[in-house]
Amino acid sequence: MEIHNLYRQGNRFTLQEPEGDYVLWYRLIAAEGMAVTDGDTVAPAIDVESPEGWSEIPAPQEPVEELEELREYYTRTQAVLPG
C-alpha cells in the first residue's frame, strides 16, 4: 500500500504542499490486485484524514476490473475526491 501526503485547503486538495494554512490528509493506494480497507470500506484507493486502522487485502473478485481501473487512475493522475 502506498501512502501519499495530501494537503487540504478549504475544499481544495493537492499533492503539492501549499503555502499558508492547510490540513494534512493521506491518499492510500493499494497495490495491483489488492484493495485498502478499514473493515467497513473497501477501495482500490481512498483519501482519508488518517492512515491508522487501514490495511491492504486481496481485492474482491467481482468488480476487479473497475477497482484496477480506479487504482490506475489515482496512480496516474492527481485526482482528488471531494472530502
Protein backbone atom coordinates (compact mmCIF):
# COMPACT_ATOMS: atom_id res chain seq x y z
CA MET A 1 0.00 0.00 0.00
CA GLU A 2 1.32 3.40 -0.97
CA ILE A 3 0.64 6.36 1.32
CA HIS A 4 0.96 9.88 -0.06
CA ASN A 5 0.54 13.17 1.77
CA LEU A 6 -2.49 15.10 0.60
CA TYR A 7 -2.97 18.75 1.54
CA ARG A 8 -6.41 20.27 2.07
CA GLN A 9 -7.08 23.99 1.92
CA GLY A 10 -10.81 24.61 2.33
CA ASN A 11 -12.50 22.38 -0.26
CA ARG A 12 -9.37 22.03 -2.39
CA PHE A 13 -6.94 19.10 -2.20
CA THR A 14 -3.46 18.96 -3.70
CA LEU A 15 -0.49 16.61 -3.66
CA GLN A 16 1.88 19.61 -3.52
CA GLU A 17 2.42 21.25 -0.12
CA PRO A 18 0.75 24.67 -0.41
CA GLU A 19 1.70 27.94 1.19
CA GLY A 20 -0.49 29.07 4.07
CA ASP A 21 -2.73 27.02 6.31
CA TYR A 22 -3.74 23.50 5.33
CA VAL A 23 -4.90 20.24 6.87
CA LEU A 24 -2.82 17.13 6.20
CA TRP A 25 -4.75 14.19 4.75
CA TYR A 26 -3.47 10.97 3.21
CA ARG A 27 -4.05 9.17 -0.08
CA LEU A 28 -3.89 5.39 0.30
CA ILE A 29 -3.32 3.41 -2.91
CA ALA A 30 -3.50 -0.37 -2.90
CA ALA A 31 -1.01 -2.48 -4.85
CA GLU A 32 -2.20 -4.18 -8.03
CA GLY A 33 -4.76 -6.88 -7.26
CA MET A 34 -5.23 -5.51 -3.74
CA ALA A 35 -7.64 -3.12 -2.01
CA VAL A 36 -7.42 -0.97 1.11
CA THR A 37 -9.91 -1.43 3.93
CA ASP A 38 -10.74 -0.13 7.36
CA GLY A 39 -13.10 -3.05 7.99
CA ASP A 40 -16.13 -1.20 6.56
CA THR A 41 -14.95 0.40 3.32
CA VAL A 42 -13.05 -1.49 0.62
CA ALA A 43 -11.47 0.52 -2.20
CA PRO A 44 -8.51 0.48 -4.58
CA ALA A 45 -7.58 4.00 -3.37
CA ILE A 46 -9.04 6.46 -0.90
CA ASP A 47 -8.33 9.86 0.65
CA VAL A 48 -8.51 9.80 4.46
CA GLU A 49 -7.74 12.01 7.45
CA SER A 50 -5.52 9.31 8.97
CA PRO A 51 -4.00 6.09 7.62
CA GLU A 52 -4.36 4.50 11.06
CA GLY A 53 -6.63 1.47 11.00
CA TRP A 54 -6.33 0.92 7.24
CA SER A 55 -4.75 -2.19 5.76
CA GLU A 56 -4.36 -3.91 2.42
CA ILE A 57 -6.35 -7.01 1.46
CA PRO A 58 -6.81 -9.00 -1.74
CA ALA A 59 -9.26 -7.15 -3.98
CA PRO A 60 -12.79 -8.56 -4.17
CA GLN A 61 -13.22 -10.84 -7.17
CA GLU A 62 -16.44 -9.36 -8.59
CA PRO A 63 -15.50 -5.79 -9.59
CA VAL A 64 -11.76 -6.32 -10.03
CA GLU A 65 -11.67 -4.59 -13.42
CA GLU A 66 -13.35 -1.45 -12.04
CA LEU A 67 -11.11 -1.45 -8.94
CA GLU A 68 -7.98 -1.79 -11.06
CA GLU A 69 -9.07 0.99 -13.43
CA LEU A 70 -9.72 3.32 -10.48
CA ARG A 71 -6.39 2.39 -8.85
CA GLU A 72 -4.57 3.12 -12.10
CA TYR A 73 -6.40 6.45 -12.42
CA TYR A 74 -5.35 7.51 -8.90
CA THR A 75 -1.78 6.43 -9.61
CA ARG A 76 -1.52 8.22 -12.98
CA THR A 77 -3.22 11.46 -12.02
CA GLN A 78 -3.52 13.87 -9.19
CA ALA A 79 -7.21 13.01 -8.96
CA VAL A 80 -8.85 14.27 -5.82
CA LEU A 81 -12.20 13.26 -4.43
CA PRO A 82 -14.20 15.85 -2.51
CA GLY A 83 -13.77 15.47 1.24
